[in-house]
Amino acid sequence: MGAAEIEQVRRFNRTVTERVGVLHDRYLGRDRPIGEARLLWEIGGQGQDVRQLRERLGLDSGYVSRLLRSLEGAGLVTVEPQPQDRRVRTVRLTEKGRAERELLDESSDELAASLLEPLNADQRARLVAAMAEVDRLLTAGTVALDVVDPDHPDARHCLLAYFAELQELFDTGFDPARSLLPDAGELRPPRGLFLVARLHGEPIGCAGVKLPAGAPAEIKRMWVAPRARRLGLARRFLTELEAQAARHGYDTLRLDTNKTLSGAITLYHSFGFQEVPAFNDEPYAHHWFEKRISRAATTE
């Protein structure tokens, strides 16, 4: 990235903070700063686990505690330990807090309208489309990829969701017992590895690579949650797994897929994979792919 790009990001940040009013300690004309207002909105009607709330917003635990104490003092929230585990605290809006949240929603709608109102129809459409794109790209930048054990709860969550989706998509349904699923040991170092993608601490995707001795590396079980698609995560998985295979000395990367997954097939072609004859007897596969990789090309 260059200095001009960094300066443009900073200029954008200054414009946004000025226009949406976060420089004021009375956000939207209410009696609290934006941090407290945002917590009220995130808590919502059902309440929230304090830990999950903290992870969702990426805030320090001490800062969240101070915000919650202020909101408690104003009678807007209650914070109570869960009966089954008193270390886990749940925050809920009081009746006064729900009324305050409704007022904040109304004021937020008015602020949004005030940003759009001076513009003509074409400008409004361009601004809204640009905001959607910025939101998508900023969200993509917050996704974390972590190597986990394939038996980790987040890995199991993703795999079960993946299998359920294949059951709906495939003409024949999907039975994991019939598929050539790698066992957990094949996706643990040094025989392989398994990645989980998380957004605000929640698992939203997974992908693994087998690193067998005397055979090409093979990508297995790549899945992205529907709500996280269009974030470029599948391409990010492929890039990371290719890099991992190259670091381990492999020069060929393989994968197979089902004819129903047309989006995946298009992705593999665009990523440099070439269709090859079948290299396994996976009953759910109709297409087999290989890509030649090199350590130098991947690690530069």
C-alpha atoms as a PDB file:
ATOM      1  CA  MET A   1       0.000   0.000   0.000  1.00  0.00           C
ATOM      2  CA  GLY A   2       1.164   3.515  -0.731  1.00  0.00           C
ATOM      3  CA  ALA A   3       1.150   6.825   1.105  1.00  0.00           C
ATOM      4  CA  ALA A   4      -1.637   8.163  -1.133  1.00  0.00           C
ATOM      5  CA  GLU A   5      -3.883   5.211  -0.237  1.00  0.00           C
ATOM      6  CA  ILE A   6      -3.257   5.703   3.476  1.00  0.00           C
ATOM      7  CA  GLU A   7      -3.983   9.425   3.198  1.00  0.00           C
ATOM      8  CA  GLN A   8      -7.266   8.722   1.387  1.00  0.00           C
ATOM      9  CA  VAL A   9      -8.344   6.334   4.147  1.00  0.00           C
ATOM     10  CA  ARG A  10      -7.527   8.949   6.783  1.00  0.00           C
ATOM     11  CA  ARG A  11      -9.418  11.632   4.867  1.00  0.00           C
ATOM     12  CA  PHE A  12     -12.411   9.310   4.592  1.00  0.00           C
ATOM     13  CA  ASN A  13     -12.308   8.619   8.331  1.00  0.00           C
ATOM     14  CA  ARG A  14     -12.226  12.325   9.153  1.00  0.00           C
ATOM     15  CA  THR A  15     -15.187  13.043   6.888  1.00  0.00           C
ATOM     16  CA  VAL A  16     -17.276  10.215   8.284  1.00  0.00           C
ATOM     17  CA  THR A  17     -16.604  10.993  11.948  1.00  0.00           C
ATOM     18  CA  GLU A  18     -17.549  14.624  11.354  1.00  0.00           C
ATOM     19  CA  ARG A  19     -20.716  13.883   9.377  1.00  0.00           C
ATOM     20  CA  VAL A  20     -22.135  11.178  11.662  1.00  0.00           C
ATOM     21  CA  GLY A  21     -21.539  13.175  14.832  1.00  0.00           C
ATOM     22  CA  VAL A  22     -19.191  10.890  16.756  1.00  0.00           C
ATOM     23  CA  LEU A  23     -17.003  13.849  17.773  1.00  0.00           C
ATOM     24  CA  HIS A  24     -19.683  15.002  20.210  1.00  0.00           C
ATOM     25  CA  ASP A  25     -20.035  13.579  23.730  1.00  0.00           C
ATOM     26  CA  ARG A  26     -23.832  13.704  23.344  1.00  0.00           C
ATOM     27  CA  TYR A  27     -24.333  11.401  20.364  1.00  0.00           C
ATOM     28  CA  LEU A  28     -27.494  12.152  18.357  1.00  0.00           C
ATOM     29  CA  GLY A  29     -28.383  14.811  20.903  1.00  0.00           C
ATOM     30  CA  ARG A  30     -28.908  12.273  23.695  1.00  0.00           C
ATOM     31  CA  ASP A  31     -27.226  12.247  27.112  1.00  0.00           C
ATOM     32  CA  ARG A  32     -24.500   9.742  26.309  1.00  0.00           C
ATOM     33  CA  PRO A  33     -21.483   9.273  24.018  1.00  0.00           C
ATOM     34  CA  ILE A  34     -21.504   6.973  21.007  1.00  0.00           C
ATOM     35  CA  GLY A  35     -19.948   4.050  22.904  1.00  0.00           C
ATOM     36  CA  GLU A  36     -22.909   3.783  25.268  1.00  0.00           C
ATOM     37  CA  ALA A  37     -25.387   4.345  22.440  1.00  0.00           C
ATOM     38  CA  ARG A  38     -23.826   1.550  20.402  1.00  0.00           C
ATOM     39  CA  LEU A  39     -23.992  -0.852  23.341  1.00  0.00           C
ATOM     40  CA  LEU A  40     -27.715  -0.167  23.750  1.00  0.00           C
ATOM     41  CA  TRP A  41     -28.261  -0.964  20.087  1.00  0.00           C
ATOM     42  CA  GLU A  42     -26.153  -4.166  20.177  1.00  0.00           C
ATOM     43  CA  ILE A  43     -27.809  -5.513  23.340  1.00  0.00           C
ATOM     44  CA  GLY A  44     -31.148  -5.530  21.517  1.00  0.00           C
ATOM     45  CA  GLY A  45     -34.423  -6.967  22.698  1.00  0.00           C
ATOM     46  CA  GLN A  46     -33.144 -10.401  23.755  1.00  0.00           C
ATOM     47  CA  GLY A  47     -30.065  -9.372  25.736  1.00  0.00           C
ATOM     48  CA  GLN A  48     -26.475 -10.395  25.149  1.00  0.00           C
ATOM     49  CA  ASP A  49     -23.682 -12.363  26.746  1.00  0.00           C
ATOM     50  CA  VAL A  50     -21.195  -9.705  27.874  1.00  0.00           C
ATOM     51  CA  ARG A  51     -18.237 -11.647  26.488  1.00  0.00           C
ATOM     52  CA  GLN A  52     -19.884 -12.014  23.093  1.00  0.00           C
ATOM     53  CA  LEU A  53     -20.822  -8.339  23.133  1.00  0.00           C
ATOM     54  CA  ARG A  54     -17.206  -7.425  23.805  1.00  0.00           C
ATOM     55  CA  GLU A  55     -15.951  -9.671  20.986  1.00  0.00           C
ATOM     56  CA  ARG A  56     -18.608  -8.380  18.591  1.00  0.00           C
ATOM     57  CA  LEU A  57     -17.406  -4.802  19.034  1.00  0.00           C
ATOM     58  CA  GLY A  58     -13.711  -5.586  19.534  1.00  0.00           C
ATOM     59  CA  LEU A  59     -13.585  -3.619  22.785  1.00  0.00           C
ATOM     60  CA  ASP A  60     -11.373  -3.958  25.852  1.00  0.00           C
ATOM     61  CA  SER A  61     -13.121  -5.698  28.762  1.00  0.00           C
ATOM     62  CA  GLY A  62     -12.358  -2.845  31.142  1.00  0.00           C
ATOM     63  CA  TYR A  63     -13.856  -0.280  28.781  1.00  0.00           C
ATOM     64  CA  VAL A  64     -16.998  -2.376  28.272  1.00  0.00           C
ATOM     65  CA  SER A  65     -17.354  -2.736  32.041  1.00  0.00           C
ATOM     66  CA  ARG A  66     -17.180   1.036  32.473  1.00  0.00           C
ATOM     67  CA  LEU A  67     -19.790   1.591  29.774  1.00  0.00           C
ATOM     68  CA  LEU A  68     -22.104  -0.985  31.311  1.00  0.00           C
ATOM     69  CA  ARG A  69     -21.736   0.531  34.790  1.00  0.00           C
ATOM     70  CA  SER A  70     -22.735   3.905  33.386  1.00  0.00           C
ATOM     71  CA  LEU A  71     -25.767   2.421  31.642  1.00  0.00           C
ATOM     72  CA  GLU A  72     -26.706   0.520  34.813  1.00  0.00           C
ATOM     73  CA  GLY A  73     -26.436   3.719  36.828  1.00  0.00           C
ATOM     74  CA  ALA A  74     -28.829   5.390  34.399  1.00  0.00           C
ATOM     75  CA  GLY A  75     -31.302   2.540  34.822  1.00  0.00           C
ATOM     76  CA  LEU A  76     -31.044   1.465  31.180  1.00  0.00           C
ATOM     77  CA  VAL A  77     -29.620  -2.057  31.589  1.00  0.00           C
ATOM     78  CA  THR A  78     -29.266  -4.882  34.069  1.00  0.00           C
ATOM     79  CA  VAL A  79     -26.200  -7.132  34.218  1.00  0.00           C
ATOM     80  CA  GLU A  80     -26.643 -10.521  35.892  1.00  0.00           C
ATOM     81  CA  PRO A  81     -24.655 -13.774  36.077  1.00  0.00           C
ATOM     82  CA  GLN A  82     -26.164 -16.797  34.376  1.00  0.00           C
ATOM     83  CA  PRO A  83     -27.510 -19.375  36.894  1.00  0.00           C
ATOM     84  CA  GLN A  84     -25.627 -22.293  35.293  1.00  0.00           C
ATOM     85  CA  ASP A  85     -22.279 -20.460  35.244  1.00  0.00           C
ATOM     86  CA  ARG A  86     -21.915 -17.334  37.348  1.00  0.00           C
ATOM     87  CA  ARG A  87     -18.737 -16.390  35.489  1.00  0.00           C
ATOM     88  CA  VAL A  88     -20.892 -15.684  32.421  1.00  0.00           C
ATOM     89  CA  ARG A  89     -22.815 -12.419  32.606  1.00  0.00           C
ATOM     90  CA  THR A  90     -25.848 -11.407  30.571  1.00  0.00           C
ATOM     91  CA  VAL A  91     -26.836  -7.799  29.936  1.00  0.00           C
ATOM     92  CA  ARG A  92     -30.453  -6.864  29.162  1.00  0.00           C
ATOM     93  CA  LEU A  93     -32.276  -3.634  28.486  1.00  0.00           C
ATOM     94  CA  THR A  94     -34.723  -2.381  31.078  1.00  0.00           C
ATOM     95  CA  GLU A  95     -38.033  -0.854  30.013  1.00  0.00           C
ATOM     96  CA  LYS A  96     -36.329   2.533  30.196  1.00  0.00           C
ATOM     97  CA  GLY A  97     -33.456   1.168  28.132  1.00  0.00           C
ATOM     98  CA  ARG A  98     -35.799  -0.124  25.428  1.00  0.00           C
ATOM     99  CA  ALA A  99     -37.456   3.281  25.225  1.00  0.00           C
ATOM    100  CA  GLU A 100     -34.044   4.941  24.931  1.00  0.00           C
ATOM    101  CA  ARG A 101     -33.040   2.522  22.165  1.00  0.00           C
ATOM    102  CA  GLU A 102     -36.185   3.380  20.215  1.00  0.00           C
ATOM    103  CA  LEU A 103     -35.337   7.080  20.470  1.00  0.00           C
ATOM    104  CA  LEU A 104     -31.803   6.369  19.271  1.00  0.00           C
ATOM    105  CA  ASP A 105     -33.201   4.439  16.301  1.00  0.00           C
ATOM    106  CA  GLU A 106     -35.434   7.355  15.381  1.00  0.00           C
ATOM    107  CA  SER A 107     -32.562   9.820  15.662  1.00  0.00           C
ATOM    108  CA  SER A 108     -30.295   7.527  13.613  1.00  0.00           C
ATOM    109  CA  ASP A 109     -32.912   7.376  10.857  1.00  0.00           C
ATOM    110  CA  GLU A 110     -33.117  11.169  10.869  1.00  0.00           C
ATOM    111  CA  LEU A 111     -29.314  11.455  10.657  1.00  0.00           C
ATOM    112  CA  ALA A 112     -29.174   9.025   7.735  1.00  0.00           C
ATOM    113  CA  ALA A 113     -31.905  10.961   5.949  1.00  0.00           C
ATOM    114  CA  SER A 114     -30.023  14.222   6.511  1.00  0.00           C
ATOM    115  CA  LEU A 115     -26.951  12.768   4.779  1.00  0.00           C
ATOM    116  CA  LEU A 116     -28.983  11.750   1.737  1.00  0.00           C
ATOM    117  CA  GLU A 117     -31.458  14.631   1.465  1.00  0.00           C
ATOM    118  CA  PRO A 118     -29.106  17.268  -0.064  1.00  0.00           C
ATOM    119  CA  LEU A 119     -28.155  14.872  -2.896  1.00  0.00           C
ATOM    120  CA  ASN A 120     -30.007  14.197  -6.117  1.00  0.00           C
ATOM    121  CA  ALA A 121     -31.322  10.715  -6.910  1.00  0.00           C
ATOM    122  CA  ASP A 122     -28.209   9.650  -8.816  1.00  0.00           C
ATOM    123  CA  GLN A 123     -25.884  10.880  -6.084  1.00  0.00           C
ATOM    124  CA  ARG A 124     -27.933   9.112  -3.415  1.00  0.00           C
ATOM    125  CA  ALA A 125     -27.756   5.837  -5.324  1.00  0.00           C
ATOM    126  CA  ARG A 126     -24.006   6.204  -5.770  1.00  0.00           C
ATOM    127  CA  LEU A 127     -23.459   7.033  -2.102  1.00  0.00           C
ATOM    128  CA  VAL A 128     -25.571   4.120  -0.853  1.00  0.00           C
ATOM    129  CA  ALA A 129     -23.820   1.697  -3.238  1.00  0.00           C
ATOM    130  CA  ALA A 130     -20.408   3.007  -2.175  1.00  0.00           C
ATOM    131  CA  MET A 131     -21.356   2.622   1.507  1.00  0.00           C
ATOM    132  CA  ALA A 132     -22.428  -0.977   0.885  1.00  0.00           C
ATOM    133  CA  GLU A 133     -19.100  -1.709  -0.782  1.00  0.00           C
ATOM    134  CA  VAL A 134     -17.117  -0.062   2.015  1.00  0.00           C
ATOM    135  CA  ASP A 135     -19.118  -2.012   4.587  1.00  0.00           C
ATOM    136  CA  ARG A 136     -18.407  -5.280   2.764  1.00  0.00           C
ATOM    137  CA  LEU A 137     -14.684  -4.629   2.431  1.00  0.00           C
ATOM    138  CA  LEU A 138     -14.240  -3.421   6.008  1.00  0.00           C
ATOM    139  CA  THR A 139     -16.097  -6.510   7.223  1.00  0.00           C
ATOM    140  CA  ALA A 140     -13.836  -8.726   5.103  1.00  0.00           C
ATOM    141  CA  GLY A 141     -10.826  -7.127   6.778  1.00  0.00           C
ATOM    142  CA  THR A 142     -12.045  -8.139  10.237  1.00  0.00           C
ATOM    143  CA  VAL A 143     -12.278 -11.870   9.432  1.00  0.00           C
ATOM    144  CA  ALA A 144      -9.558 -13.879  11.184  1.00  0.00           C
ATOM    145  CA  LEU A 145      -8.181 -17.200   9.909  1.00  0.00           C
ATOM    146  CA  ASP A 146      -6.869 -19.561  12.559  1.00  0.00           C
ATOM    147  CA  VAL A 147      -5.372 -23.031  12.431  1.00  0.00           C
ATOM    148  CA  VAL A 148      -7.441 -25.234  14.743  1.00  0.00           C
ATOM    149  CA  ASP A 149      -7.755 -28.906  15.570  1.00  0.00           C
ATOM    150  CA  PRO A 150     -10.428 -30.472  13.321  1.00  0.00           C
ATOM    151  CA  ASP A 151     -12.214 -31.642  16.483  1.00  0.00           C
ATOM    152  CA  HIS A 152     -12.438 -28.079  17.855  1.00  0.00           C
ATOM    153  CA  PRO A 153     -16.084 -27.047  18.489  1.00  0.00           C
ATOM    154  CA  ASP A 154     -15.850 -24.258  15.904  1.00  0.00           C
ATOM    155  CA  ALA A 155     -14.514 -26.714  13.317  1.00  0.00           C
ATOM    156  CA  ARG A 156     -17.297 -29.164  14.071  1.00  0.00           C
ATOM    157  CA  HIS A 157     -19.868 -26.361  13.835  1.00  0.00           C
ATOM    158  CA  CYS A 158     -18.663 -25.449  10.353  1.00  0.00           C
ATOM    159  CA  LEU A 159     -18.446 -29.038   9.123  1.00  0.00           C
ATOM    160  CA  LEU A 160     -21.944 -29.913  10.311  1.00  0.00           C
ATOM    161  CA  ALA A 161     -23.338 -26.785   8.629  1.00  0.00           C
ATOM    162  CA  TYR A 162     -21.410 -27.704   5.469  1.00  0.00           C
ATOM    163  CA  PHE A 163     -22.796 -31.251   5.419  1.00  0.00           C
ATOM    164  CA  ALA A 164     -26.334 -29.956   5.982  1.00  0.00           C
ATOM    165  CA  GLU A 165     -25.980 -27.578   3.031  1.00  0.00           C
ATOM    166  CA  LEU A 166     -24.683 -30.343   0.754  1.00  0.00           C
ATOM    167  CA  GLN A 167     -27.626 -32.506   1.788  1.00  0.00           C
ATOM    168  CA  GLU A 168     -29.936 -29.800   0.444  1.00  0.00           C
ATOM    169  CA  LEU A 169     -27.939 -29.007  -2.696  1.00  0.00           C
ATOM    170  CA  PHE A 170     -26.966 -32.405  -4.081  1.00  0.00           C
ATOM    171  CA  ASP A 171     -29.487 -34.321  -6.203  1.00  0.00           C
ATOM    172  CA  THR A 172     -28.634 -37.475  -4.285  1.00  0.00           C
ATOM    173  CA  GLY A 173     -28.399 -35.820  -0.894  1.00  0.00           C
ATOM    174  CA  PHE A 174     -25.178 -36.130   1.096  1.00  0.00           C
ATOM    175  CA  ASP A 175     -24.128 -38.848   3.510  1.00  0.00           C
ATOM    176  CA  PRO A 176     -20.752 -38.161   5.200  1.00  0.00           C
ATOM    177  CA  ALA A 177     -20.348 -41.908   5.753  1.00  0.00           C
ATOM    178  CA  ARG A 178     -20.199 -42.477   1.964  1.00  0.00           C
ATOM    179  CA  SER A 179     -17.814 -39.621   1.241  1.00  0.00           C
ATOM    180  CA  LEU A 180     -14.027 -39.853   1.273  1.00  0.00           C
ATOM    181  CA  LEU A 181     -13.824 -37.639   4.314  1.00  0.00           C
ATOM    182  CA  PRO A 182     -10.327 -37.276   5.736  1.00  0.00           C
ATOM    183  CA  ASP A 183     -10.091 -38.421   9.314  1.00  0.00           C
ATOM    184  CA  ALA A 184      -9.092 -35.803  11.876  1.00  0.00           C
ATOM    185  CA  GLY A 185      -5.501 -37.029  11.898  1.00  0.00           C
ATOM    186  CA  GLU A 186      -5.106 -36.218   8.196  1.00  0.00           C
ATOM    187  CA  LEU A 187      -5.884 -32.570   8.905  1.00  0.00           C
ATOM    188  CA  ARG A 188      -3.525 -32.184  11.858  1.00  0.00           C
ATOM    189  CA  PRO A 189       0.148 -31.236  11.560  1.00  0.00           C
ATOM    190  CA  PRO A 190       2.324 -32.670  10.140  1.00  0.00           C
ATOM    191  CA  ARG A 191      -0.118 -34.587   7.901  1.00  0.00           C
ATOM    192  CA  GLY A 192      -2.281 -31.551   7.209  1.00  0.00           C
ATOM    193  CA  LEU A 193      -3.979 -28.579   8.799  1.00  0.00           C
ATOM    194  CA  PHE A 194      -7.446 -27.146   9.239  1.00  0.00           C
ATOM    195  CA  LEU A 195      -8.451 -23.484   9.115  1.00  0.00           C
ATOM    196  CA  VAL A 196     -11.488 -21.809  10.666  1.00  0.00           C
ATOM    197  CA  ALA A 197     -12.581 -18.299   9.731  1.00  0.00           C
ATOM    198  CA  ARG A 198     -14.154 -16.191  12.462  1.00  0.00           C
ATOM    199  CA  LEU A 199     -16.057 -12.924  12.268  1.00  0.00           C
ATOM    200  CA  HIS A 200     -16.469 -11.150  15.602  1.00  0.00           C
ATOM    201  CA  GLY A 201     -15.467 -14.401  17.297  1.00  0.00           C
ATOM    202  CA  GLU A 202     -18.115 -16.489  15.518  1.00  0.00           C
ATOM    203  CA  PRO A 203     -17.108 -19.299  13.104  1.00  0.00           C
ATOM    204  CA  ILE A 204     -18.179 -18.507   9.528  1.00  0.00           C
ATOM    205  CA  GLY A 205     -16.111 -20.872   7.378  1.00  0.00           C
ATOM    206  CA  CYS A 206     -13.553 -23.636   7.221  1.00  0.00           C
ATOM    207  CA  ALA A 207     -11.072 -25.319   4.895  1.00  0.00           C
ATOM    208  CA  GLY A 208      -8.454 -28.022   5.259  1.00  0.00           C
ATOM    209  CA  VAL A 209      -5.471 -29.334   3.364  1.00  0.00           C
ATOM    210  CA  LYS A 210      -3.999 -32.818   3.423  1.00  0.00           C
ATOM    211  CA  LEU A 211      -0.216 -33.000   3.221  1.00  0.00           C
ATOM    212  CA  PRO A 212       0.446 -36.679   2.478  1.00  0.00           C
ATOM    213  CA  ALA A 213       3.874 -38.162   1.943  1.00  0.00           C
ATOM    214  CA  GLY A 214       4.642 -38.955  -1.694  1.00  0.00           C
ATOM    215  CA  ALA A 215       1.431 -37.445  -3.114  1.00  0.00           C
ATOM    216  CA  PRO A 216       0.124 -33.948  -3.995  1.00  0.00           C
ATOM    217  CA  ALA A 217      -1.410 -31.725  -1.351  1.00  0.00           C
ATOM    218  CA  GLU A 218      -5.204 -31.816  -1.398  1.00  0.00           C
ATOM    219  CA  ILE A 219      -7.754 -29.204  -0.316  1.00  0.00           C
ATOM    220  CA  LYS A 220     -10.720 -30.629   1.557  1.00  0.00           C
ATOM    221  CA  ARG A 221     -13.963 -29.380   3.105  1.00  0.00           C
ATOM    222  CA  MET A 222     -13.926 -25.721   2.131  1.00  0.00           C
ATOM    223  CA  TRP A 223     -17.137 -23.986   3.199  1.00  0.00           C
ATOM    224  CA  VAL A 224     -18.282 -20.408   3.824  1.00  0.00           C
ATOM    225  CA  ALA A 225     -21.464 -19.571   5.707  1.00  0.00           C
ATOM    226  CA  PRO A 226     -24.122 -17.984   3.463  1.00  0.00           C
ATOM    227  CA  ARG A 227     -24.127 -14.773   5.512  1.00  0.00           C
ATOM    228  CA  ALA A 228     -20.361 -14.393   4.972  1.00  0.00           C
ATOM    229  CA  ARG A 229     -20.299 -14.887   1.219  1.00  0.00           C
ATOM    230  CA  ARG A 230     -19.108 -12.070  -1.056  1.00  0.00           C
ATOM    231  CA  LEU A 231     -16.338 -11.265   1.437  1.00  0.00           C
ATOM    232  CA  GLY A 232     -13.681 -12.975  -0.687  1.00  0.00           C
ATOM    233  CA  LEU A 233     -13.231 -15.643   1.955  1.00  0.00           C
ATOM    234  CA  ALA A 234     -13.103 -18.662  -0.374  1.00  0.00           C
ATOM    235  CA  ARG A 235     -10.306 -17.056  -2.379  1.00  0.00           C
ATOM    236  CA  ARG A 236      -8.550 -16.186   0.875  1.00  0.00           C
ATOM    237  CA  PHE A 237      -8.777 -19.819   1.995  1.00  0.00           C
ATOM    238  CA  LEU A 238      -7.298 -20.998  -1.307  1.00  0.00           C
ATOM    239  CA  THR A 239      -4.462 -18.477  -1.079  1.00  0.00           C
ATOM    240  CA  GLU A 240      -3.554 -19.491   2.465  1.00  0.00           C
ATOM    241  CA  LEU A 241      -3.764 -23.232   1.827  1.00  0.00           C
ATOM    242  CA  GLU A 242      -1.662 -22.913  -1.325  1.00  0.00           C
ATOM    243  CA  ALA A 243       0.932 -20.989   0.672  1.00  0.00           C
ATOM    244  CA  GLN A 244       0.929 -23.652   3.382  1.00  0.00           C
ATOM    245  CA  ALA A 245       1.378 -26.442   0.819  1.00  0.00           C
ATOM    246  CA  ALA A 246       4.259 -24.574  -0.832  1.00  0.00           C
ATOM    247  CA  ARG A 247       5.970 -23.999   2.524  1.00  0.00           C
ATOM    248  CA  HIS A 248       5.844 -27.753   3.099  1.00  0.00           C
ATOM    249  CA  GLY A 249       7.569 -28.425  -0.219  1.00  0.00           C
ATOM    250  CA  TYR A 250       4.619 -29.418  -2.399  1.00  0.00           C
ATOM    251  CA  ASP A 251       4.497 -28.434  -6.072  1.00  0.00           C
ATOM    252  CA  THR A 252       0.966 -29.675  -6.860  1.00  0.00           C
ATOM    253  CA  LEU A 253      -2.358 -28.868  -5.224  1.00  0.00           C
ATOM    254  CA  ARG A 254      -5.475 -30.951  -5.834  1.00  0.00           C
ATOM    255  CA  LEU A 255      -9.197 -30.811  -5.099  1.00  0.00           C
ATOM    256  CA  ASP A 256     -12.450 -32.356  -6.281  1.00  0.00           C
ATOM    257  CA  THR A 257     -15.992 -31.002  -6.347  1.00  0.00           C
ATOM    258  CA  ASN A 258     -19.585 -31.742  -7.269  1.00  0.00           C
ATOM    259  CA  LYS A 259     -21.246 -30.530 -10.503  1.00  0.00           C
ATOM    260  CA  THR A 260     -23.908 -28.714  -8.441  1.00  0.00           C
ATOM    261  CA  LEU A 261     -21.320 -26.304  -6.989  1.00  0.00           C
ATOM    262  CA  SER A 262     -21.025 -24.146 -10.097  1.00  0.00           C
ATOM    263  CA  GLY A 263     -19.770 -21.119  -8.175  1.00  0.00           C
ATOM    264  CA  ALA A 264     -16.924 -23.177  -6.721  1.00  0.00           C
ATOM    265  CA  ILE A 265     -16.030 -24.543 -10.160  1.00  0.00           C
ATOM    266  CA  THR A 266     -15.833 -21.007 -11.563  1.00  0.00           C
ATOM    267  CA  LEU A 267     -13.663 -19.958  -8.608  1.00  0.00           C
ATOM    268  CA  TYR A 268     -11.225 -22.844  -9.114  1.00  0.00           C
ATOM    269  CA  HIS A 269     -10.803 -22.046 -12.794  1.00  0.00           C
ATOM    270  CA  SER A 270     -10.169 -18.370 -11.995  1.00  0.00           C
ATOM    271  CA  PHE A 271      -7.624 -19.352  -9.346  1.00  0.00           C
ATOM    272  CA  GLY A 272      -5.483 -21.272 -11.833  1.00  0.00           C
ATOM    273  CA  PHE A 273      -6.746 -24.817 -11.329  1.00  0.00           C
ATOM    274  CA  GLN A 274      -7.021 -27.068 -14.388  1.00  0.00           C
ATOM    275  CA  GLU A 275      -9.441 -29.960 -14.759  1.00  0.00           C
ATOM    276  CA  VAL A 276      -7.760 -33.369 -14.778  1.00  0.00           C
ATOM    277  CA  PRO A 277      -8.898 -37.010 -14.892  1.00  0.00           C
ATOM    278  CA  ALA A 278     -10.291 -38.424 -11.690  1.00  0.00           C
ATOM    279  CA  PHE A 279      -7.592 -39.097  -9.121  1.00  0.00           C
ATOM    280  CA  ASN A 280      -9.883 -40.690  -6.509  1.00  0.00           C
ATOM    281  CA  ASP A 281     -13.217 -42.500  -6.302  1.00  0.00           C
ATOM    282  CA  GLU A 282     -15.108 -39.848  -4.313  1.00  0.00           C
ATOM    283  CA  PRO A 283     -18.773 -40.754  -4.982  1.00  0.00           C
ATOM    284  CA  TYR A 284     -19.933 -37.123  -4.816  1.00  0.00           C
ATOM    285  CA  ALA A 285     -17.277 -35.717  -7.178  1.00  0.00           C
ATOM    286  CA  HIS A 286     -17.829 -34.905 -10.857  1.00  0.00           C
ATOM    287  CA  HIS A 287     -14.850 -32.600 -11.406  1.00  0.00           C
ATOM    288  CA  TRP A 288     -11.214 -33.015 -10.382  1.00  0.00           C
ATOM    289  CA  PHE A 289      -8.685 -30.175 -10.425  1.00  0.00           C
ATOM    290  CA  GLU A 290      -4.928 -29.672 -10.079  1.00  0.00           C
ATOM    291  CA  LYS A 291      -2.719 -26.613  -9.875  1.00  0.00           C
ATOM    292  CA  ARG A 292       1.053 -26.451 -10.143  1.00  0.00           C
ATOM    293  CA  ILE A 293       2.480 -24.282  -7.383  1.00  0.00           C
ATOM    294  CA  SER A 294       5.954 -23.176  -6.383  1.00  0.00           C
ATOM    295  CA  ARG A 295       7.519 -22.007  -3.166  1.00  0.00           C
ATOM    296  CA  ALA A 296       9.001 -18.902  -4.815  1.00  0.00           C
ATOM    297  CA  ALA A 297       5.717 -17.795  -6.401  1.00  0.00           C
ATOM    298  CA  THR A 298       3.757 -18.305  -3.195  1.00  0.00           C
ATOM    299  CA  THR A 299       6.093 -16.758  -0.640  1.00  0.00           C
ATOM    300  CA  GLU A 300       7.259 -13.609  -2.443  1.00  0.00           C
END
